[in-house]
Amino acid sequence: MGEVFDRKIALRSGPRYAVKTDAEVRAALERLFTAHGFRDITISDLRRMTGGASKEQFAFRLDHAASDQSERLVLRMDPYASAVDTCRGREAEMIQAVVDDLPVPSIRLVDRDGIHLGQPGMIMALVPGVSMPSQMAGRAVSGIGGSYGAIGERLAPQFTRHIAALHNLDFTTRSLELFDVPRANSTDAALWQVNAFARSWHDDRLEAAPILSLTERWLRENAPVCESPCLVHGDYRMGNFLFTEPDGLITAVLDWELSHIGDFHEDLSYILRPRFGSVGPDGQLLVSGLMPKPVFLEEYEKLSGRRIRNAVIAYYDVFSAWKAAVVVRASAVRAAHEGHNHQDLLLAWLATGTGNHLRELADMMDRL
């Protein structure tokens, strides 16, 4: 990941990021496919996909000489800087590692260094489905405060089953050359994640925030031991999976850019964050808008065979809140300030939540 951070810093002194035109995207795609041996390429039905505070995404149709059928694909490409800066090679490698076990988009091509696309990117299959029920479209920011309604009863068991399955996959049998493996029975899993976001904080901050520095020190001093590292999604929540209507079948788990090998408690803490949930008809908070917390945790333990340690969940509660604050207080603000992202207005809007994040952290630290 160091090279991703270094690349962002190197681009910092350059011009503002120019949003790609359709013609530029089409030409970039043609270069990439040509470089991989495709002939008589036709890129059609190109459209920018909405959403996403970190990557530019385009849907398009590909025709070429070796196939008599069109294929609907998605280009996921980096701007100069994002709310979260990650590696397309790692994201593609993780998706390919779990493709036989979880519903994920299949990867077609990867341009890890942006040699052909101009910016790092990857091509994957377009998966059918929606991220929120159709009747909710436009009524909430994807992943924050939405509601699945009646279809949530069908989604909930799948949501829990897929994260339990991910944590139980034997990553030693997968090709994950771009990933470092924390030592078992060590604090590596926690400290490596702290190191990554500490780098983001120190590289991207525009002004100091003492509570973030205090929290970073606490996270280092209280890092828990992880007995058996596993695959971690890093952003598993409402809005980051697709499902079809009306059957409620999850067709794809999305946004693997923060995936890594670490502690399963990190995923659980993140899933349980109230800001990614919604209130049910009875006033009870629903995890990712799907089910009450006790139901989720009980079902997770049953499916995974893992024992949840509340003290470790509490540690990652602090980490998740600190990570969110780093994203909105530093990385999002910096990317918008320098005009190095296609979503500068959205990133600036995210930054308006800084006060809430810092208050949450302050309250947590007071209780420790």
Protein backbone atom coordinates (compact mmCIF):
# COMPACT_ATOMS: atom_id res chain seq x y z
CA MET A 1 0.00 0.00 0.00
CA GLY A 2 2.96 2.31 0.45
CA GLU A 3 3.22 2.81 -3.29
CA VAL A 4 -0.43 3.95 -3.42
CA PHE A 5 0.23 6.63 -0.81
CA ASP A 6 3.48 7.64 -2.51
CA ARG A 7 1.71 7.99 -5.87
CA LYS A 8 -0.94 10.24 -4.35
CA ILE A 9 1.72 12.51 -2.85
CA ALA A 10 3.58 12.65 -6.17
CA LEU A 11 0.40 13.80 -7.95
CA ARG A 12 -0.32 16.44 -5.32
CA SER A 13 1.80 19.14 -6.94
CA GLY A 14 0.24 18.57 -10.35
CA PRO A 15 -2.91 19.92 -12.01
CA ARG A 16 -6.46 19.36 -10.81
CA TYR A 17 -8.11 16.12 -11.77
CA ALA A 18 -10.10 16.40 -15.00
CA VAL A 19 -13.26 14.32 -15.10
CA LYS A 20 -13.01 11.87 -18.00
CA THR A 21 -15.14 12.49 -21.07
CA ASP A 22 -16.90 9.63 -22.82
CA ALA A 23 -14.43 9.87 -25.69
CA GLU A 24 -11.45 9.67 -23.33
CA VAL A 25 -12.89 6.67 -21.49
CA ARG A 26 -13.69 4.90 -24.75
CA ALA A 27 -10.16 5.47 -26.07
CA ALA A 28 -8.65 4.23 -22.79
CA LEU A 29 -10.75 1.06 -22.89
CA GLU A 30 -9.76 0.40 -26.49
CA ARG A 31 -6.06 0.73 -25.54
CA LEU A 32 -6.46 -1.70 -22.66
CA PHE A 33 -8.35 -4.36 -24.59
CA THR A 34 -6.02 -4.04 -27.59
CA ALA A 35 -3.00 -4.52 -25.32
CA HIS A 36 -4.57 -7.80 -24.14
CA GLY A 37 -5.04 -9.18 -27.65
CA PHE A 38 -8.65 -8.19 -28.36
CA ARG A 39 -9.38 -7.36 -32.03
CA ASP A 40 -12.11 -5.40 -33.81
CA ILE A 41 -13.16 -3.76 -30.56
CA THR A 42 -16.37 -1.78 -30.26
CA ILE A 43 -17.19 0.08 -27.04
CA SER A 44 -20.82 1.18 -26.92
CA ASP A 45 -23.59 2.17 -24.50
CA LEU A 46 -21.02 3.89 -22.28
CA ARG A 47 -22.43 5.65 -19.23
CA ARG A 48 -21.08 7.01 -15.99
CA MET A 49 -22.37 5.17 -12.93
CA THR A 50 -23.70 7.25 -10.04
CA GLY A 51 -22.42 7.07 -6.48
CA GLY A 52 -18.95 6.32 -5.22
CA ALA A 53 -16.84 8.76 -3.26
CA SER A 54 -13.57 7.11 -4.15
CA LYS A 55 -13.53 5.62 -7.67
CA GLU A 56 -14.84 6.62 -11.09
CA GLN A 57 -17.08 3.90 -12.51
CA PHE A 58 -18.47 3.43 -16.00
CA ALA A 59 -20.77 0.77 -17.45
CA PHE A 60 -20.30 -0.15 -21.09
CA ARG A 61 -20.91 -2.80 -23.71
CA LEU A 62 -18.00 -4.66 -25.34
CA ASP A 63 -18.04 -6.33 -28.75
CA HIS A 64 -14.96 -7.90 -30.28
CA ALA A 65 -13.89 -10.40 -32.95
CA ALA A 66 -13.54 -13.42 -30.66
CA SER A 67 -17.15 -13.32 -29.45
CA ASP A 68 -20.48 -13.13 -31.26
CA GLN A 69 -22.21 -11.77 -28.15
CA SER A 70 -21.94 -8.38 -26.49
CA GLU A 71 -20.82 -8.27 -22.87
CA ARG A 72 -21.88 -5.71 -20.28
CA LEU A 73 -18.88 -4.64 -18.20
CA VAL A 74 -17.86 -2.06 -15.60
CA LEU A 75 -14.70 0.03 -15.49
CA ARG A 76 -13.60 0.95 -11.96
CA MET A 77 -10.82 3.53 -12.11
CA ASP A 78 -8.86 5.73 -9.69
CA PRO A 79 -8.91 9.53 -9.66
CA TYR A 80 -5.79 11.26 -8.31
CA ALA A 81 -6.98 11.10 -4.70
CA SER A 82 -9.99 9.72 -2.84
CA ALA A 83 -11.74 9.52 0.48
CA VAL A 84 -9.91 6.20 0.72
CA ASP A 85 -6.84 5.49 -1.42
CA THR A 86 -6.42 1.82 -2.26
CA CYS A 87 -4.88 -0.55 -4.81
CA ARG A 88 -6.87 -1.88 -7.79
CA GLY A 89 -4.50 -4.83 -8.04
CA ARG A 90 -5.24 -5.88 -4.47
CA GLU A 91 -8.98 -5.39 -4.89
CA ALA A 92 -9.06 -7.51 -8.05
CA GLU A 93 -6.85 -10.18 -6.47
CA MET A 94 -9.18 -10.51 -3.47
CA ILE A 95 -12.29 -10.74 -5.65
CA GLN A 96 -10.65 -13.44 -7.73
CA ALA A 97 -9.69 -15.29 -4.55
CA VAL A 98 -13.32 -15.54 -3.35
CA VAL A 99 -15.17 -15.81 -6.68
CA ASP A 100 -15.94 -19.53 -6.23
CA ASP A 101 -17.30 -19.08 -2.71
CA LEU A 102 -19.15 -15.75 -2.64
CA PRO A 103 -21.31 -13.78 -5.07
CA VAL A 104 -18.89 -11.25 -6.56
CA PRO A 105 -18.40 -9.70 -10.00
CA SER A 106 -15.98 -11.64 -12.16
CA ILE A 107 -12.77 -9.78 -13.03
CA ARG A 108 -11.92 -9.40 -16.71
CA LEU A 109 -8.80 -7.22 -16.82
CA VAL A 110 -6.64 -5.23 -14.39
CA ASP A 111 -4.45 -2.23 -15.18
CA ARG A 112 -2.79 -1.94 -11.78
CA ASP A 113 -0.47 0.94 -12.68
CA GLY A 114 -2.69 2.72 -15.20
CA ILE A 115 -0.35 2.01 -18.11
CA HIS A 116 -3.20 1.77 -20.63
CA LEU A 117 -6.09 3.50 -18.85
CA GLY A 118 -4.03 6.47 -17.70
CA GLN A 119 -5.08 5.77 -14.11
CA PRO A 120 -5.09 2.44 -12.20
CA GLY A 121 -8.27 0.54 -12.91
CA MET A 122 -9.95 -2.79 -13.49
CA ILE A 123 -12.70 -4.25 -15.65
CA MET A 124 -15.36 -6.52 -14.16
CA ALA A 125 -18.67 -8.02 -15.21
CA LEU A 126 -21.83 -5.98 -14.72
CA VAL A 127 -23.97 -7.82 -12.20
CA PRO A 128 -27.77 -7.43 -12.17
CA GLY A 129 -29.37 -6.03 -9.06
CA VAL A 130 -30.00 -2.94 -6.95
CA SER A 131 -28.32 -1.73 -3.77
CA MET A 132 -31.58 -0.48 -2.21
CA PRO A 133 -35.23 -1.33 -2.89
CA SER A 134 -36.56 0.55 -5.92
CA GLN A 135 -39.09 2.44 -3.83
CA MET A 136 -36.21 3.85 -1.75
CA ALA A 137 -34.24 5.15 -4.75
CA GLY A 138 -33.17 8.74 -4.23
CA ARG A 139 -34.52 8.94 -0.66
CA ALA A 140 -31.27 8.22 1.18
CA VAL A 141 -27.51 8.17 0.61
CA SER A 142 -26.54 4.64 -0.33
CA GLY A 143 -25.30 2.83 2.78
CA ILE A 144 -26.46 5.43 5.30
CA GLY A 145 -29.85 5.36 6.96
CA GLY A 146 -31.70 3.39 4.30
CA SER A 147 -34.34 0.75 4.82
CA TYR A 148 -34.92 -2.56 3.04
CA GLY A 149 -38.52 -2.94 4.16
CA ALA A 150 -40.12 -6.37 3.81
CA ILE A 151 -37.39 -7.68 1.51
CA GLY A 152 -34.93 -7.35 4.40
CA GLU A 153 -36.24 -10.62 5.84
CA ARG A 154 -34.89 -12.42 2.76
CA LEU A 155 -31.63 -10.50 2.67
CA ALA A 156 -30.68 -10.86 6.36
CA PRO A 157 -29.78 -14.60 6.39
CA GLN A 158 -27.70 -14.21 3.22
CA PHE A 159 -25.93 -11.11 4.56
CA THR A 160 -24.81 -13.03 7.66
CA ARG A 161 -24.00 -16.22 5.78
CA HIS A 162 -21.71 -14.47 3.30
CA ILE A 163 -19.59 -12.68 5.90
CA ALA A 164 -19.26 -15.86 7.96
CA ALA A 165 -18.22 -17.74 4.81
CA LEU A 166 -15.60 -15.11 3.99
CA HIS A 167 -14.05 -15.33 7.44
CA ASN A 168 -13.88 -19.11 7.23
CA LEU A 169 -12.17 -19.34 3.82
CA ASP A 170 -8.68 -20.79 3.90
CA PHE A 171 -6.71 -17.88 2.46
CA THR A 172 -3.52 -19.96 2.37
CA THR A 173 -4.96 -21.83 -0.62
CA ARG A 174 -5.68 -18.62 -2.56
CA SER A 175 -3.43 -16.51 -4.74
CA LEU A 176 -2.99 -13.34 -2.70
CA GLU A 177 0.52 -12.26 -3.60
CA LEU A 178 -0.18 -8.57 -2.98
CA PHE A 179 -1.32 -9.16 0.61
CA ASP A 180 0.83 -9.41 3.72
CA VAL A 181 -0.24 -11.95 6.34
CA PRO A 182 -0.26 -10.90 10.01
CA ARG A 183 1.42 -13.34 12.36
CA ALA A 184 -0.94 -15.55 14.31
CA ASN A 185 -1.15 -14.83 18.05
CA SER A 186 0.22 -11.32 17.59
CA THR A 187 -1.04 -7.74 17.47
CA ASP A 188 -0.06 -7.38 13.80
CA ALA A 189 -3.65 -7.51 12.52
CA ALA A 190 -4.69 -4.46 14.53
CA LEU A 191 -1.47 -2.47 14.30
CA TRP A 192 -1.13 -2.83 10.53
CA GLN A 193 -4.57 -1.30 10.05
CA VAL A 194 -3.74 1.49 12.49
CA ASN A 195 -0.52 2.12 10.56
CA ALA A 196 -2.38 2.40 7.24
CA PHE A 197 -4.89 4.98 8.43
CA ALA A 198 -2.26 6.80 10.48
CA ARG A 199 -0.36 7.25 7.20
CA SER A 200 -3.53 8.68 5.62
CA TRP A 201 -4.00 11.03 8.56
CA HIS A 202 -0.44 12.33 8.57
CA ASP A 203 -0.31 12.67 4.76
CA ASP A 204 -3.72 14.26 4.21
CA ARG A 205 -4.67 16.39 7.22
CA LEU A 206 -5.04 20.10 6.62
CA GLU A 207 -5.21 20.97 10.32
CA ALA A 208 -4.60 19.25 13.63
CA ALA A 209 -7.21 17.30 15.62
CA PRO A 210 -5.76 16.30 19.00
CA ILE A 211 -8.48 13.71 19.65
CA LEU A 212 -7.33 11.76 16.58
CA SER A 213 -3.73 11.72 17.77
CA LEU A 214 -4.83 10.68 21.26
CA THR A 215 -6.97 7.88 19.82
CA GLU A 216 -4.15 6.67 17.61
CA ARG A 217 -1.90 6.33 20.65
CA TRP A 218 -4.63 4.45 22.55
CA LEU A 219 -5.14 2.07 19.60
CA ARG A 220 -1.43 1.27 19.53
CA GLU A 221 -1.19 0.75 23.28
CA ASN A 222 -4.28 -1.48 23.45
CA ALA A 223 -4.00 -3.51 20.25
CA PRO A 224 -5.56 -6.97 20.79
CA VAL A 225 -3.91 -10.26 19.93
CA CYS A 226 -5.40 -11.99 16.89
CA GLU A 227 -5.08 -15.74 17.29
CA SER A 228 -5.96 -16.72 13.73
CA PRO A 229 -6.03 -14.05 11.00
CA CYS A 230 -8.66 -14.41 8.28
CA LEU A 231 -9.96 -12.63 5.19
CA VAL A 232 -11.62 -9.33 6.12
CA HIS A 233 -13.85 -7.31 3.77
CA GLY A 234 -13.31 -3.97 5.50
CA ASP A 235 -16.48 -2.25 4.25
CA TYR A 236 -19.26 -4.83 4.59
CA ARG A 237 -22.53 -2.97 5.16
CA MET A 238 -25.77 -1.63 3.77
CA GLY A 239 -25.28 -0.32 0.23
CA ASN A 240 -22.28 -2.50 -0.58
CA PHE A 241 -24.15 -5.47 -1.97
CA LEU A 242 -26.59 -5.94 -4.84
CA PHE A 243 -29.79 -7.97 -4.87
CA THR A 244 -32.55 -8.69 -7.34
CA GLU A 245 -36.20 -7.80 -6.93
CA PRO A 246 -38.62 -9.19 -5.97
CA ASP A 247 -36.87 -12.41 -4.87
CA GLY A 248 -34.29 -10.67 -2.64
CA LEU A 249 -31.33 -12.76 -3.85
CA ILE A 250 -27.93 -11.18 -3.15
CA THR A 251 -26.16 -11.21 -6.50
CA ALA A 252 -22.90 -9.49 -5.61
CA VAL A 253 -20.88 -8.28 -2.63
CA LEU A 254 -19.17 -5.08 -3.78
CA ASP A 255 -16.39 -2.63 -2.84
CA TRP A 256 -13.53 -4.91 -1.83
CA GLU A 257 -10.96 -2.11 -1.94
CA LEU A 258 -10.38 -2.20 1.86
CA SER A 259 -10.18 -5.98 2.06
CA HIS A 260 -7.17 -7.48 3.81
CA ILE A 261 -6.07 -10.32 6.06
CA GLY A 262 -6.80 -9.50 9.67
CA ASP A 263 -9.14 -9.97 12.62
CA PHE A 264 -12.78 -10.96 12.01
CA HIS A 265 -13.81 -8.70 14.90
CA GLU A 266 -12.88 -5.72 12.73
CA ASP A 267 -15.59 -6.61 10.20
CA LEU A 268 -18.14 -7.28 12.93
CA SER A 269 -17.54 -3.95 14.64
CA TYR A 270 -17.86 -2.12 11.35
CA ILE A 271 -21.09 -3.94 10.47
CA LEU A 272 -22.54 -3.00 13.86
CA ARG A 273 -21.88 0.73 13.51
CA PRO A 274 -25.19 2.55 14.14
CA ARG A 275 -24.62 4.99 11.27
CA PHE A 276 -24.83 2.06 8.83
CA GLY A 277 -28.07 0.81 10.37
CA SER A 278 -31.65 1.98 10.44
CA VAL A 279 -34.52 1.96 12.91
CA GLY A 280 -37.16 -0.73 12.46
CA PRO A 281 -40.93 -0.31 12.86
CA ASP A 282 -40.67 -1.13 16.57
CA GLY A 283 -37.98 1.49 17.16
CA GLN A 284 -35.17 -1.07 17.43
CA LEU A 285 -31.90 -0.41 15.61
CA LEU A 286 -31.39 -2.89 12.78
CA VAL A 287 -27.85 -3.92 11.80
CA SER A 288 -27.35 -2.65 8.23
CA GLY A 289 -31.11 -2.16 8.17
CA LEU A 290 -31.66 -5.92 8.28
CA MET A 291 -31.85 -7.43 11.78
CA PRO A 292 -31.36 -6.65 15.49
CA LYS A 293 -27.79 -6.87 16.80
CA PRO A 294 -28.39 -9.96 19.04
CA VAL A 295 -29.88 -11.87 16.09
CA PHE A 296 -26.94 -11.02 13.85
CA LEU A 297 -24.27 -11.96 16.40
CA GLU A 298 -25.99 -15.21 17.42
CA GLU A 299 -26.41 -16.29 13.79
CA TYR A 300 -22.84 -15.29 12.95
CA GLU A 301 -21.39 -17.40 15.76
CA LYS A 302 -23.56 -20.34 14.69
CA LEU A 303 -22.52 -20.13 11.03
CA SER A 304 -18.84 -19.33 11.56
CA GLY A 305 -18.14 -21.47 14.61
CA ARG A 306 -16.20 -18.51 16.01
CA ARG A 307 -16.39 -17.12 19.52
CA ILE A 308 -16.88 -13.37 19.60
CA ARG A 309 -14.84 -11.53 22.22
CA ASN A 310 -16.69 -8.43 23.36
CA ALA A 311 -13.51 -6.70 24.47
CA VAL A 312 -12.06 -7.02 20.97
CA ILE A 313 -15.28 -5.75 19.41
CA ALA A 314 -14.99 -2.74 21.74
CA TYR A 315 -11.42 -2.10 20.54
CA TYR A 316 -12.49 -2.17 16.91
CA ASP A 317 -15.44 0.09 17.73
CA VAL A 318 -12.87 2.73 18.61
CA PHE A 319 -10.80 1.88 15.53
CA SER A 320 -13.83 2.09 13.20
CA ALA A 321 -14.83 5.47 14.60
CA TRP A 322 -11.25 6.74 14.34
CA LYS A 323 -10.93 5.43 10.77
CA ALA A 324 -14.16 7.17 9.75
CA ALA A 325 -12.91 10.43 11.28
CA VAL A 326 -9.61 10.17 9.39
CA VAL A 327 -11.51 9.63 6.13
CA VAL A 328 -13.80 12.65 6.49
CA ARG A 329 -11.47 14.97 8.42
CA ALA A 330 -8.34 14.40 6.32
CA SER A 331 -8.51 12.36 3.11
CA ALA A 332 -11.91 13.52 1.83
CA VAL A 333 -11.20 17.16 2.67
CA ARG A 334 -7.75 17.08 1.09
CA ALA A 335 -8.99 15.45 -2.14
CA ALA A 336 -11.80 18.00 -2.47
CA HIS A 337 -9.58 20.94 -1.51
CA GLU A 338 -7.03 20.10 -4.19
CA GLY A 339 -9.59 19.19 -6.85
CA HIS A 340 -8.09 15.72 -7.24
CA ASN A 341 -11.36 13.78 -7.28
CA HIS A 342 -14.39 13.66 -9.57
CA GLN A 343 -16.72 13.90 -6.56
CA ASP A 344 -15.40 17.03 -4.86
CA LEU A 345 -18.87 18.21 -3.83
CA LEU A 346 -19.72 14.85 -2.26
CA LEU A 347 -16.37 14.74 -0.46
CA ALA A 348 -16.94 18.24 0.88
CA TRP A 349 -20.40 17.18 2.06
CA LEU A 350 -18.92 14.17 3.85
CA ALA A 351 -16.60 16.52 5.68
CA THR A 352 -19.59 18.25 7.26
CA GLY A 353 -19.95 15.15 9.44
CA THR A 354 -16.54 15.71 11.02
CA GLY A 355 -18.00 17.17 14.20
CA ASN A 356 -20.17 14.13 14.80
CA HIS A 357 -17.22 11.78 14.26
CA LEU A 358 -14.98 13.71 16.64
CA ARG A 359 -17.74 13.88 19.27
CA GLU A 360 -18.23 10.13 18.96
CA LEU A 361 -14.52 9.57 19.50
CA ALA A 362 -14.39 11.94 22.44
CA ASP A 363 -17.30 10.14 24.09
CA MET A 364 -15.61 6.78 23.50
CA MET A 365 -12.33 7.96 24.99
CA ASP A 366 -14.14 9.36 28.03
CA ARG A 367 -15.64 5.92 28.68
CA LEU A 368 -12.34 4.04 28.40
